Amino acid sequence: EHDATPEQKGYKGFEYATCASINDEICHGFPRKEPLNEGDIVTIDMVV
């Protein structure tokens, strides 16, 4: 909607617009369909 694109999508085969790392994941977590729980922390990393 802002005429921008997610740069890491397709980078070395990475399939997602974001890296989504939960709790003990440090970086480069894959977005997934399990719901986040109360008390979790999540890092959203993106290149635009």
ModelCIF file with pLDDT and N, C-alpha, C, O atoms, coordinates in Angstrom:
data_MODEL
#
_entry.id   MODEL 
#
_entity.id                         1 
_entity.type                       polymer 
_entity.pdbx_number_of_molecules   1 
#
_entity_poly.entity_id                      1 
_entity_poly.type                           'polypeptide(L)' 
_entity_poly.nstd_linkage                   no 
_entity_poly.nstd_monomer                   no 
_entity_poly.pdbx_seq_one_letter_code       EHDATPEQKGYKGFEYATCASINDEICHGFPRKEPLNEGDIVTIDMVV 
_entity_poly.pdbx_seq_one_letter_code_can   EHDATPEQKGYKGFEYATCASINDEICHGFPRKEPLNEGDIVTIDMVV 
_entity_poly.pdbx_strand_id                 A 
#
loop_
_entity_poly_seq.entity_id 
_entity_poly_seq.num 
_entity_poly_seq.mon_id 
_entity_poly_seq.hetero 
1 1  GLU n 
1 2  HIS n 
1 3  ASP n 
1 4  ALA n 
1 5  THR n 
1 6  PRO n 
1 7  GLU n 
1 8  GLN n 
1 9  LYS n 
1 10 GLY n 
1 11 TYR n 
1 12 LYS n 
1 13 GLY n 
1 14 PHE n 
1 15 GLU n 
1 16 TYR n 
1 17 ALA n 
1 18 THR n 
1 19 CYS n 
1 20 ALA n 
1 21 SER n 
1 22 ILE n 
1 23 ASN n 
1 24 ASP n 
1 25 GLU n 
1 26 ILE n 
1 27 CYS n 
1 28 HIS n 
1 29 GLY n 
1 30 PHE n 
1 31 PRO n 
1 32 ARG n 
1 33 LYS n 
1 34 GLU n 
1 35 PRO n 
1 36 LEU n 
1 37 ASN n 
1 38 GLU n 
1 39 GLY n 
1 40 ASP n 
1 41 ILE n 
1 42 VAL n 
1 43 THR n 
1 44 ILE n 
1 45 ASP n 
1 46 MET n 
1 47 VAL n 
1 48 VAL n 
#
_struct_asym.id          A 
_struct_asym.entity_id   1 
#
loop_
_ma_qa_metric.id 
_ma_qa_metric.mode 
_ma_qa_metric.name 
_ma_qa_metric.software_group_id 
_ma_qa_metric.type 
1 global pLDDT . pLDDT 
2 local  pLDDT . pLDDT 
#
_ma_qa_metric_global.metric_id      1 
_ma_qa_metric_global.metric_value   97.38 
_ma_qa_metric_global.model_id       1 
_ma_qa_metric_global.ordinal_id     1 
#
loop_
_ma_qa_metric_local.label_asym_id 
_ma_qa_metric_local.label_comp_id 
_ma_qa_metric_local.label_seq_id 
_ma_qa_metric_local.metric_id 
_ma_qa_metric_local.metric_value 
_ma_qa_metric_local.model_id 
_ma_qa_metric_local.ordinal_id 
A GLU 1  2 98.00 1 1  
A HIS 2  2 98.00 1 2  
A ASP 3  2 98.00 1 3  
A ALA 4  2 98.00 1 4  
A THR 5  2 98.00 1 5  
A PRO 6  2 98.00 1 6  
A GLU 7  2 97.00 1 7  
A GLN 8  2 94.00 1 8  
A LYS 9  2 96.00 1 9  
A GLY 10 2 94.00 1 10 
A TYR 11 2 94.00 1 11 
A LYS 12 2 94.00 1 12 
A GLY 13 2 94.00 1 13 
A PHE 14 2 95.00 1 14 
A GLU 15 2 96.00 1 15 
A TYR 16 2 98.00 1 16 
A ALA 17 2 98.00 1 17 
A THR 18 2 98.00 1 18 
A CYS 19 2 98.00 1 19 
A ALA 20 2 98.00 1 20 
A SER 21 2 98.00 1 21 
A ILE 22 2 98.00 1 22 
A ASN 23 2 98.00 1 23 
A ASP 24 2 98.00 1 24 
A GLU 25 2 98.00 1 25 
A ILE 26 2 98.00 1 26 
A CYS 27 2 98.00 1 27 
A HIS 28 2 98.00 1 28 
A GLY 29 2 98.00 1 29 
A PHE 30 2 98.00 1 30 
A PRO 31 2 98.00 1 31 
A ARG 32 2 97.00 1 32 
A LYS 33 2 97.00 1 33 
A GLU 34 2 98.00 1 34 
A PRO 35 2 98.00 1 35 
A LEU 36 2 98.00 1 36 
A ASN 37 2 98.00 1 37 
A GLU 38 2 98.00 1 38 
A GLY 39 2 98.00 1 39 
A ASP 40 2 98.00 1 40 
A ILE 41 2 98.00 1 41 
A VAL 42 2 98.00 1 42 
A THR 43 2 98.00 1 43 
A ILE 44 2 98.00 1 44 
A ASP 45 2 98.00 1 45 
A MET 46 2 98.00 1 46 
A VAL 47 2 98.00 1 47 
A VAL 48 2 98.00 1 48 
#
loop_
_atom_site.group_PDB 
_atom_site.id 
_atom_site.type_symbol 
_atom_site.label_atom_id 
_atom_site.label_alt_id 
_atom_site.label_comp_id 
_atom_site.label_asym_id 
_atom_site.label_entity_id 
_atom_site.label_seq_id 
_atom_site.pdbx_PDB_ins_code 
_atom_site.Cartn_x 
_atom_site.Cartn_y 
_atom_site.Cartn_z 
_atom_site.occupancy 
_atom_site.B_iso_or_equiv 
_atom_site.pdbx_formal_charge 
_atom_site.auth_seq_id 
_atom_site.auth_comp_id 
_atom_site.auth_asym_id 
_atom_site.auth_atom_id 
_atom_site.pdbx_PDB_model_num 
ATOM 1   N N  . GLU A 1 1  ? 0.823  -1.223  0.000  1.00 98.00 ? 1  GLU A N  1 
ATOM 2   C CA . GLU A 1 1  ? 0.000  0.000   0.000  1.00 98.00 ? 1  GLU A CA 1 
ATOM 3   C C  . GLU A 1 1  ? 0.852  1.266   0.000  1.00 98.00 ? 1  GLU A C  1 
ATOM 4   O O  . GLU A 1 1  ? 0.371  2.343   -0.350 1.00 98.00 ? 1  GLU A O  1 
ATOM 5   N N  . HIS A 1 2  ? 2.117  1.133   0.393  1.00 98.00 ? 2  HIS A N  1 
ATOM 6   C CA . HIS A 1 2  ? 3.039  2.286   0.418  1.00 98.00 ? 2  HIS A CA 1 
ATOM 7   C C  . HIS A 1 2  ? 4.083  2.206   -0.700 1.00 98.00 ? 2  HIS A C  1 
ATOM 8   O O  . HIS A 1 2  ? 5.130  2.851   -0.632 1.00 98.00 ? 2  HIS A O  1 
ATOM 9   N N  . ASP A 1 3  ? 3.784  1.407   -1.729 1.00 98.00 ? 3  ASP A N  1 
ATOM 10  C CA . ASP A 1 3  ? 4.663  1.269   -2.905 1.00 98.00 ? 3  ASP A CA 1 
ATOM 11  C C  . ASP A 1 3  ? 6.066  0.796   -2.540 1.00 98.00 ? 3  ASP A C  1 
ATOM 12  O O  . ASP A 1 3  ? 7.046  1.144   -3.198 1.00 98.00 ? 3  ASP A O  1 
ATOM 13  N N  . ALA A 1 4  ? 6.141  -0.002  -1.480 1.00 98.00 ? 4  ALA A N  1 
ATOM 14  C CA . ALA A 1 4  ? 7.421  -0.547  -1.023 1.00 98.00 ? 4  ALA A CA 1 
ATOM 15  C C  . ALA A 1 4  ? 7.357  -2.075  -1.100 1.00 98.00 ? 4  ALA A C  1 
ATOM 16  O O  . ALA A 1 4  ? 6.282  -2.658  -1.240 1.00 98.00 ? 4  ALA A O  1 
ATOM 17  N N  . THR A 1 5  ? 8.530  -2.710  -1.007 1.00 98.00 ? 5  THR A N  1 
ATOM 18  C CA . THR A 1 5  ? 8.596  -4.171  -1.068 1.00 98.00 ? 5  THR A CA 1 
ATOM 19  C C  . THR A 1 5  ? 9.476  -4.714  0.059  1.00 98.00 ? 5  THR A C  1 
ATOM 20  O O  . THR A 1 5  ? 10.389 -4.028  0.519  1.00 98.00 ? 5  THR A O  1 
ATOM 21  N N  . PRO A 1 6  ? 9.200  -5.961  0.510  1.00 98.00 ? 6  PRO A N  1 
ATOM 22  C CA . PRO A 1 6  ? 10.032 -6.595  1.536  1.00 98.00 ? 6  PRO A CA 1 
ATOM 23  C C  . PRO A 1 6  ? 11.282 -7.207  0.900  1.00 98.00 ? 6  PRO A C  1 
ATOM 24  O O  . PRO A 1 6  ? 11.190 -8.165  0.131  1.00 98.00 ? 6  PRO A O  1 
ATOM 25  N N  . GLU A 1 7  ? 12.435 -6.652  1.223  1.00 97.00 ? 7  GLU A N  1 
ATOM 26  C CA . GLU A 1 7  ? 13.674 -7.016  0.539  1.00 97.00 ? 7  GLU A CA 1 
ATOM 27  C C  . GLU A 1 7  ? 14.123 -8.437  0.835  1.00 97.00 ? 7  GLU A C  1 
ATOM 28  O O  . GLU A 1 7  ? 14.719 -9.088  -0.022 1.00 97.00 ? 7  GLU A O  1 
ATOM 29  N N  . GLN A 1 8  ? 13.839 -8.932  2.057  1.00 94.00 ? 8  GLN A N  1 
ATOM 30  C CA . GLN A 1 8  ? 14.389 -10.259 2.354  1.00 94.00 ? 8  GLN A CA 1 
ATOM 31  C C  . GLN A 1 8  ? 13.568 -11.390 1.752  1.00 94.00 ? 8  GLN A C  1 
ATOM 32  O O  . GLN A 1 8  ? 14.019 -12.536 1.734  1.00 94.00 ? 8  GLN A O  1 
ATOM 33  N N  . LYS A 1 9  ? 12.361 -11.087 1.256  1.00 96.00 ? 9  LYS A N  1 
ATOM 34  C CA . LYS A 1 9  ? 11.559 -12.137 0.621  1.00 96.00 ? 9  LYS A CA 1 
ATOM 35  C C  . LYS A 1 9  ? 12.250 -12.568 -0.672 1.00 96.00 ? 9  LYS A C  1 
ATOM 36  O O  . LYS A 1 9  ? 12.421 -11.778 -1.601 1.00 96.00 ? 9  LYS A O  1 
ATOM 37  N N  . GLY A 1 10 ? 12.643 -13.844 -0.708 1.00 94.00 ? 10 GLY A N  1 
ATOM 38  C CA . GLY A 1 10 ? 13.389 -14.362 -1.856 1.00 94.00 ? 10 GLY A CA 1 
ATOM 39  C C  . GLY A 1 10 ? 14.892 -14.329 -1.676 1.00 94.00 ? 10 GLY A C  1 
ATOM 40  O O  . GLY A 1 10 ? 15.622 -14.883 -2.498 1.00 94.00 ? 10 GLY A O  1 
ATOM 41  N N  . TYR A 1 11 ? 15.378 -13.682 -0.600 1.00 94.00 ? 11 TYR A N  1 
ATOM 42  C CA . TYR A 1 11 ? 16.823 -13.603 -0.355 1.00 94.00 ? 11 TYR A CA 1 
ATOM 43  C C  . TYR A 1 11 ? 17.345 -14.987 0.043  1.00 94.00 ? 11 TYR A C  1 
ATOM 44  O O  . TYR A 1 11 ? 16.979 -15.521 1.090  1.00 94.00 ? 11 TYR A O  1 
ATOM 45  N N  . LYS A 1 12 ? 18.196 -15.556 -0.798 1.00 94.00 ? 12 LYS A N  1 
ATOM 46  C CA . LYS A 1 12 ? 18.748 -16.903 -0.568 1.00 94.00 ? 12 LYS A CA 1 
ATOM 47  C C  . LYS A 1 12 ? 17.640 -17.926 -0.279 1.00 94.00 ? 12 LYS A C  1 
ATOM 48  O O  . LYS A 1 12 ? 17.835 -18.873 0.483  1.00 94.00 ? 12 LYS A O  1 
ATOM 49  N N  . GLY A 1 13 ? 16.487 -17.715 -0.896 1.00 94.00 ? 13 GLY A N  1 
ATOM 50  C CA . GLY A 1 13 ? 15.382 -18.655 -0.742 1.00 94.00 ? 13 GLY A CA 1 
ATOM 51  C C  . GLY A 1 13 ? 14.461 -18.386 0.435  1.00 94.00 ? 13 GLY A C  1 
ATOM 52  O O  . GLY A 1 13 ? 13.518 -19.146 0.655  1.00 94.00 ? 13 GLY A O  1 
ATOM 53  N N  . PHE A 1 14 ? 14.707 -17.322 1.202  1.00 95.00 ? 14 PHE A N  1 
ATOM 54  C CA . PHE A 1 14 ? 13.821 -16.988 2.322  1.00 95.00 ? 14 PHE A CA 1 
ATOM 55  C C  . PHE A 1 14 ? 12.446 -16.606 1.775  1.00 95.00 ? 14 PHE A C  1 
ATOM 56  O O  . PHE A 1 14 ? 12.352 -15.826 0.827  1.00 95.00 ? 14 PHE A O  1 
ATOM 57  N N  . GLU A 1 15 ? 11.388 -17.147 2.361  1.00 96.00 ? 15 GLU A N  1 
ATOM 58  C CA . GLU A 1 15 ? 10.064 -17.067 1.739  1.00 96.00 ? 15 GLU A CA 1 
ATOM 59  C C  . GLU A 1 15 ? 9.151  -15.982 2.291  1.00 96.00 ? 15 GLU A C  1 
ATOM 60  O O  . GLU A 1 15 ? 8.030  -15.823 1.807  1.00 96.00 ? 15 GLU A O  1 
ATOM 61  N N  . TYR A 1 16 ? 9.603  -15.231 3.294  1.00 98.00 ? 16 TYR A N  1 
ATOM 62  C CA . TYR A 1 16 ? 8.671  -14.369 4.034  1.00 98.00 ? 16 TYR A CA 1 
ATOM 63  C C  . TYR A 1 16 ? 9.061  -12.889 3.966  1.00 98.00 ? 16 TYR A C  1 
ATOM 64  O O  . TYR A 1 16 ? 10.200 -12.543 3.653  1.00 98.00 ? 16 TYR A O  1 
ATOM 65  N N  . ALA A 1 17 ? 8.093  -12.036 4.264  1.00 98.00 ? 17 ALA A N  1 
ATOM 66  C CA . ALA A 1 17 ? 8.333  -10.588 4.288  1.00 98.00 ? 17 ALA A CA 1 
ATOM 67  C C  . ALA A 1 17 ? 9.065  -10.159 5.552  1.00 98.00 ? 17 ALA A C  1 
ATOM 68  O O  . ALA A 1 17 ? 9.709  -9.110  5.583  1.00 98.00 ? 17 ALA A O  1 
ATOM 69  N N  . THR A 1 18 ? 8.958  -10.985 6.600  1.00 98.00 ? 18 THR A N  1 
ATOM 70  C CA . THR A 1 18 ? 9.578  -10.664 7.888  1.00 98.00 ? 18 THR A CA 1 
ATOM 71  C C  . THR A 1 18 ? 10.324 -11.876 8.431  1.00 98.00 ? 18 THR A C  1 
ATOM 72  O O  . THR A 1 18 ? 10.069 -13.014 8.035  1.00 98.00 ? 18 THR A O  1 
ATOM 73  N N  . CYS A 1 19 ? 11.247 -11.607 9.342  1.00 98.00 ? 19 CYS A N  1 
ATOM 74  C CA . CYS A 1 19 ? 11.739 -12.629 10.259 1.00 98.00 ? 19 CYS A CA 1 
ATOM 75  C C  . CYS A 1 19 ? 10.969 -12.434 11.562 1.00 98.00 ? 19 CYS A C  1 
ATOM 76  O O  . CYS A 1 19 ? 10.854 -11.311 12.053 1.00 98.00 ? 19 CYS A O  1 
ATOM 77  N N  . ALA A 1 20 ? 10.449 -13.509 12.116 1.00 98.00 ? 20 ALA A N  1 
ATOM 78  C CA . ALA A 1 20 ? 9.639  -13.433 13.334 1.00 98.00 ? 20 ALA A CA 1 
ATOM 79  C C  . ALA A 1 20 ? 10.186 -14.432 14.341 1.00 98.00 ? 20 ALA A C  1 
ATOM 80  O O  . ALA A 1 20 ? 9.973  -15.638 14.209 1.00 98.00 ? 20 ALA A O  1 
ATOM 81  N N  . SER A 1 21 ? 10.889 -13.930 15.345 1.00 98.00 ? 21 SER A N  1 
ATOM 82  C CA . SER A 1 21 ? 11.622 -14.786 16.284 1.00 98.00 ? 21 SER A CA 1 
ATOM 83  C C  . SER A 1 21 ? 10.979 -14.695 17.668 1.00 98.00 ? 21 SER A C  1 
ATOM 84  O O  . SER A 1 21 ? 10.843 -13.607 18.228 1.00 98.00 ? 21 SER A O  1 
ATOM 85  N N  . ILE A 1 22 ? 10.583 -15.853 18.213 1.00 98.00 ? 22 ILE A N  1 
ATOM 86  C CA . ILE A 1 22 ? 9.804  -15.911 19.444 1.00 98.00 ? 22 ILE A CA 1 
ATOM 87  C C  . ILE A 1 22 ? 10.640 -16.483 20.584 1.00 98.00 ? 22 ILE A C  1 
ATOM 88  O O  . ILE A 1 22 ? 11.285 -17.522 20.438 1.00 98.00 ? 22 ILE A O  1 
ATOM 89  N N  . ASN A 1 23 ? 10.619 -15.794 21.712 1.00 98.00 ? 23 ASN A N  1 
ATOM 90  C CA . ASN A 1 23 ? 11.197 -16.278 22.976 1.00 98.00 ? 23 ASN A CA 1 
ATOM 91  C C  . ASN A 1 23 ? 12.679 -16.627 22.864 1.00 98.00 ? 23 ASN A C  1 
ATOM 92  O O  . ASN A 1 23 ? 13.509 -15.717 22.845 1.00 98.00 ? 23 ASN A O  1 
ATOM 93  N N  . ASP A 1 24 ? 13.050 -17.928 22.789 1.00 98.00 ? 24 ASP A N  1 
ATOM 94  C CA . ASP A 1 24 ? 14.469 -18.302 22.763 1.00 98.00 ? 24 ASP A CA 1 
ATOM 95  C C  . ASP A 1 24 ? 15.067 -18.218 21.364 1.00 98.00 ? 24 ASP A C  1 
ATOM 96  O O  . ASP A 1 24 ? 16.259 -18.472 21.191 1.00 98.00 ? 24 ASP A O  1 
ATOM 97  N N  . GLU A 1 25 ? 14.260 -17.865 20.358 1.00 98.00 ? 25 GLU A N  1 
ATOM 98  C CA . GLU A 1 25 ? 14.797 -17.666 19.005 1.00 98.00 ? 25 GLU A CA 1 
ATOM 99  C C  . GLU A 1 25 ? 15.483 -16.306 18.952 1.00 98.00 ? 25 GLU A C  1 
ATOM 100 O O  . GLU A 1 25 ? 14.888 -15.289 19.308 1.00 98.00 ? 25 GLU A O  1 
ATOM 101 N N  . ILE A 1 26 ? 16.721 -16.292 18.510 1.00 98.00 ? 26 ILE A N  1 
ATOM 102 C CA . ILE A 1 26 ? 17.526 -15.070 18.492 1.00 98.00 ? 26 ILE A CA 1 
ATOM 103 C C  . ILE A 1 26 ? 17.223 -14.241 17.253 1.00 98.00 ? 26 ILE A C  1 
ATOM 104 O O  . ILE A 1 26 ? 17.026 -13.029 17.339 1.00 98.00 ? 26 ILE A O  1 
ATOM 105 N N  . CYS A 1 27 ? 17.189 -14.905 16.096 1.00 98.00 ? 27 CYS A N  1 
ATOM 106 C CA . CYS A 1 27 ? 16.946 -14.191 14.842 1.00 98.00 ? 27 CYS A CA 1 
ATOM 107 C C  . CYS A 1 27 ? 16.555 -15.172 13.749 1.00 98.00 ? 27 CYS A C  1 
ATOM 108 O O  . CYS A 1 27 ? 16.733 -16.384 13.875 1.00 98.00 ? 27 CYS A O  1 
ATOM 109 N N  . HIS A 1 28 ? 16.011 -14.607 12.662 1.00 98.00 ? 28 HIS A N  1 
ATOM 110 C CA . HIS A 1 28 ? 15.673 -15.352 11.440 1.00 98.00 ? 28 HIS A CA 1 
ATOM 111 C C  . HIS A 1 28 ? 14.624 -16.438 11.655 1.00 98.00 ? 28 HIS A C  1 
ATOM 112 O O  . HIS A 1 28 ? 14.625 -17.457 10.964 1.00 98.00 ? 28 HIS A O  1 
ATOM 113 N N  . GLY A 1 29 ? 13.724 -16.215 12.620 1.00 98.00 ? 29 GLY A N  1 
ATOM 114 C CA . GLY A 1 29 ? 12.598 -17.117 12.809 1.00 98.00 ? 29 GLY A CA 1 
ATOM 115 C C  . GLY A 1 29 ? 11.616 -17.017 11.649 1.00 98.00 ? 29 GLY A C  1 
ATOM 116 O O  . GLY A 1 29 ? 11.444 -15.949 11.063 1.00 98.00 ? 29 GLY A O  1 
ATOM 117 N N  . PHE A 1 30 ? 10.974 -18.135 11.323 1.00 98.00 ? 30 PHE A N  1 
ATOM 118 C CA . PHE A 1 30 ? 9.973  -18.161 10.254 1.00 98.00 ? 30 PHE A CA 1 
ATOM 119 C C  . PHE A 1 30 ? 8.601  -17.766 10.823 1.00 98.00 ? 30 PHE A C  1 
ATOM 120 O O  . PHE A 1 30 ? 8.224  -18.248 11.890 1.00 98.00 ? 30 PHE A O  1 
ATOM 121 N N  . PRO A 1 31 ? 7.852  -16.899 10.130 1.00 98.00 ? 31 PRO A N  1 
ATOM 122 C CA . PRO A 1 31 ? 6.455  -16.671 10.518 1.00 98.00 ? 31 PRO A CA 1 
ATOM 123 C C  . PRO A 1 31 ? 5.684  -17.994 10.463 1.00 98.00 ? 31 PRO A C  1 
ATOM 124 O O  . PRO A 1 31 ? 5.908  -18.813 9.572  1.00 98.00 ? 31 PRO A O  1 
ATOM 125 N N  . ARG A 1 32 ? 4.773  -18.194 11.425 1.00 97.00 ? 32 ARG A N  1 
ATOM 126 C CA . ARG A 1 32 ? 4.028  -19.454 11.471 1.00 97.00 ? 32 ARG A CA 1 
ATOM 127 C C  . ARG A 1 32 ? 2.621  -19.229 12.042 1.00 97.00 ? 32 ARG A C  1 
ATOM 128 O O  . ARG A 1 32 ? 2.274  -18.143 12.506 1.00 97.00 ? 32 ARG A O  1 
ATOM 129 N N  . LYS A 1 33 ? 1.840  -20.297 11.984 1.00 97.00 ? 33 LYS A N  1 
ATOM 130 C CA . LYS A 1 33 ? 0.402  -20.173 12.251 1.00 97.00 ? 33 LYS A CA 1 
ATOM 131 C C  . LYS A 1 33 ? 0.004  -20.523 13.685 1.00 97.00 ? 33 LYS A C  1 
ATOM 132 O O  . LYS A 1 33 ? -1.183 -20.529 14.009 1.00 97.00 ? 33 LYS A O  1 
ATOM 133 N N  . GLU A 1 34 ? 0.983  -20.813 14.545 1.00 98.00 ? 34 GLU A N  1 
ATOM 134 C CA . GLU A 1 34 ? 0.658  -21.040 15.958 1.00 98.00 ? 34 GLU A CA 1 
ATOM 135 C C  . GLU A 1 34 ? 0.474  -19.680 16.639 1.00 98.00 ? 34 GLU A C  1 
ATOM 136 O O  . GLU A 1 34 ? 1.293  -18.782 16.447 1.00 98.00 ? 34 GLU A O  1 
ATOM 137 N N  . PRO A 1 35 ? -0.595 -19.519 17.434 1.00 98.00 ? 35 PRO A N  1 
ATOM 138 C CA . PRO A 1 35 ? -0.838 -18.222 18.071 1.00 98.00 ? 35 PRO A CA 1 
ATOM 139 C C  . PRO A 1 35 ? 0.210  -17.883 19.137 1.00 98.00 ? 35 PRO A C  1 
ATOM 140 O O  . PRO A 1 35 ? 0.739  -18.763 19.815 1.00 98.00 ? 35 PRO A O  1 
ATOM 141 N N  . LEU A 1 36 ? 0.489  -16.601 19.261 1.00 98.00 ? 36 LEU A N  1 
ATOM 142 C CA . LEU A 1 36 ? 1.353  -16.118 20.330 1.00 98.00 ? 36 LEU A CA 1 
ATOM 143 C C  . LEU A 1 36 ? 0.603  -16.193 21.656 1.00 98.00 ? 36 LEU A C  1 
ATOM 144 O O  . LEU A 1 36 ? -0.614 -16.013 21.703 1.00 98.00 ? 36 LEU A O  1 
ATOM 145 N N  . ASN A 1 37 ? 1.339  -16.459 22.726 1.00 98.00 ? 37 ASN A N  1 
ATOM 146 C CA . ASN A 1 37 ? 0.741  -16.620 24.058 1.00 98.00 ? 37 ASN A CA 1 
ATOM 147 C C  . ASN A 1 37 ? 1.112  -15.457 24.969 1.00 98.00 ? 37 ASN A C  1 
ATOM 148 O O  . ASN A 1 37 ? 2.144  -14.812 24.789 1.00 98.00 ? 37 ASN A O  1 
ATOM 149 N N  . GLU A 1 38 ? 0.264  -15.206 25.932 1.00 98.00 ? 38 GLU A N  1 
ATOM 150 C CA . GLU A 1 38 ? 0.555  -14.233 26.983 1.00 98.00 ? 38 GLU A CA 1 
ATOM 151 C C  . GLU A 1 38 ? 1.924  -14.549 27.581 1.00 98.00 ? 38 GLU A C  1 
ATOM 152 O O  . GLU A 1 38 ? 2.200  -15.692 27.947 1.00 98.00 ? 38 GLU A O  1 
ATOM 153 N N  . GLY A 1 39 ? 2.778  -13.531 27.679 1.00 98.00 ? 39 GLY A N  1 
ATOM 154 C CA . GLY A 1 39 ? 4.102  -13.725 28.271 1.00 98.00 ? 39 GLY A CA 1 
ATOM 155 C C  . GLY A 1 39 ? 5.208  -13.989 27.277 1.00 98.00 ? 39 GLY A C  1 
ATOM 156 O O  . GLY A 1 39 ? 6.386  -13.960 27.635 1.00 98.00 ? 39 GLY A O  1 
ATOM 157 N N  . ASP A 1 40 ? 4.841  -14.252 26.011 1.00 98.00 ? 40 ASP A N  1 
ATOM 158 C CA . ASP A 1 40 ? 5.859  -14.393 24.961 1.00 98.00 ? 40 ASP A CA 1 
ATOM 159 C C  . ASP A 1 40 ? 6.492  -13.043 24.657 1.00 98.00 ? 40 ASP A C  1 
ATOM 160 O O  . ASP A 1 40 ? 5.920  -11.993 24.952 1.00 98.00 ? 40 ASP A O  1 
ATOM 161 N N  . ILE A 1 41 ? 7.684  -13.085 24.063 1.00 98.00 ? 41 ILE A N  1 
ATOM 162 C CA . ILE A 1 41 ? 8.218  -11.899 23.386 1.00 98.00 ? 41 ILE A CA 1 
ATOM 163 C C  . ILE A 1 41 ? 8.515  -12.305 21.938 1.00 98.00 ? 41 ILE A C  1 
ATOM 164 O O  . ILE A 1 41 ? 8.900  -13.443 21.670 1.00 98.00 ? 41 ILE A O  1 
ATOM 165 N N  . VAL A 1 42 ? 8.333  -11.376 21.026 1.00 98.00 ? 42 VAL A N  1 
ATOM 166 C CA . VAL A 1 42 ? 8.544  -11.679 19.612 1.00 98.00 ? 42 VAL A CA 1 
ATOM 167 C C  . VAL A 1 42 ? 9.292  -10.528 18.951 1.00 98.00 ? 42 VAL A C  1 
ATOM 168 O O  . VAL A 1 42 ? 8.955  -9.359  19.142 1.00 98.00 ? 42 VAL A O  1 
ATOM 169 N N  . THR A 1 43 ? 10.317 -10.878 18.168 1.00 98.00 ? 43 THR A N  1 
ATOM 170 C CA . THR A 1 43 ? 11.075 -9.884  17.409 1.00 98.00 ? 43 THR A CA 1 
ATOM 171 C C  . THR A 1 43 ? 10.656 -9.955  15.947 1.00 98.00 ? 43 THR A C  1 
ATOM 172 O O  . THR A 1 43 ? 10.719 -11.013 15.322 1.00 98.00 ? 43 THR A O  1 
ATOM 173 N N  . ILE A 1 44 ? 10.228 -8.812  15.411 1.00 98.00 ? 44 ILE A N  1 
ATOM 174 C CA . ILE A 1 44 ? 9.876  -8.702  13.994 1.00 98.00 ? 44 ILE A CA 1 
ATOM 175 C C  . ILE A 1 44 ? 10.968 -7.873  13.312 1.00 98.00 ? 44 ILE A C  1 
ATOM 176 O O  . ILE A 1 44 ? 11.195 -6.713  13.658 1.00 98.00 ? 44 ILE A O  1 
ATOM 177 N N  . ASP A 1 45 ? 11.634 -8.488  12.344 1.00 98.00 ? 45 ASP A N  1 
ATOM 178 C CA . ASP A 1 45 ? 12.768 -7.878  11.636 1.00 98.00 ? 45 ASP A CA 1 
ATOM 179 C C  . ASP A 1 45 ? 12.411 -7.795  10.156 1.00 98.00 ? 45 ASP A C  1 
ATOM 180 O O  . ASP A 1 45 ? 11.943 -8.770  9.568  1.00 98.00 ? 45 ASP A O  1 
ATOM 181 N N  . MET A 1 46 ? 12.633 -6.631  9.561  1.00 98.00 ? 46 MET A N  1 
ATOM 182 C CA . MET A 1 46 ? 12.332 -6.508  8.137  1.00 98.00 ? 46 MET A CA 1 
ATOM 183 C C  . MET A 1 46 ? 13.258 -5.501  7.461  1.00 98.00 ? 46 MET A C  1 
ATOM 184 O O  . MET A 1 46 ? 13.771 -4.568  8.079  1.00 98.00 ? 46 MET A O  1 
ATOM 185 N N  . VAL A 1 47 ? 13.446 -5.735  6.165  1.00 98.00 ? 47 VAL A N  1 
ATOM 186 C CA . VAL A 1 47 ? 14.196 -4.807  5.307  1.00 98.00 ? 47 VAL A CA 1 
ATOM 187 C C  . VAL A 1 47 ? 13.234 -4.321  4.229  1.00 98.00 ? 47 VAL A C  1 
ATOM 188 O O  . VAL A 1 47 ? 12.594 -5.125  3.550  1.00 98.00 ? 47 VAL A O  1 
ATOM 189 N N  . VAL A 1 48 ? 13.136 -3.011  4.077  1.00 98.00 ? 48 VAL A N  1 
ATOM 190 C CA . VAL A 1 48 ? 12.180 -2.400  3.153  1.00 98.00 ? 48 VAL A CA 1 
ATOM 191 C C  . VAL A 1 48 ? 12.914 -1.742  1.994  1.00 98.00 ? 48 VAL A C  1 
ATOM 192 O O  . VAL A 1 48 ? 12.281 -1.171  1.106  1.00 98.00 ? 48 VAL A O  1 
#
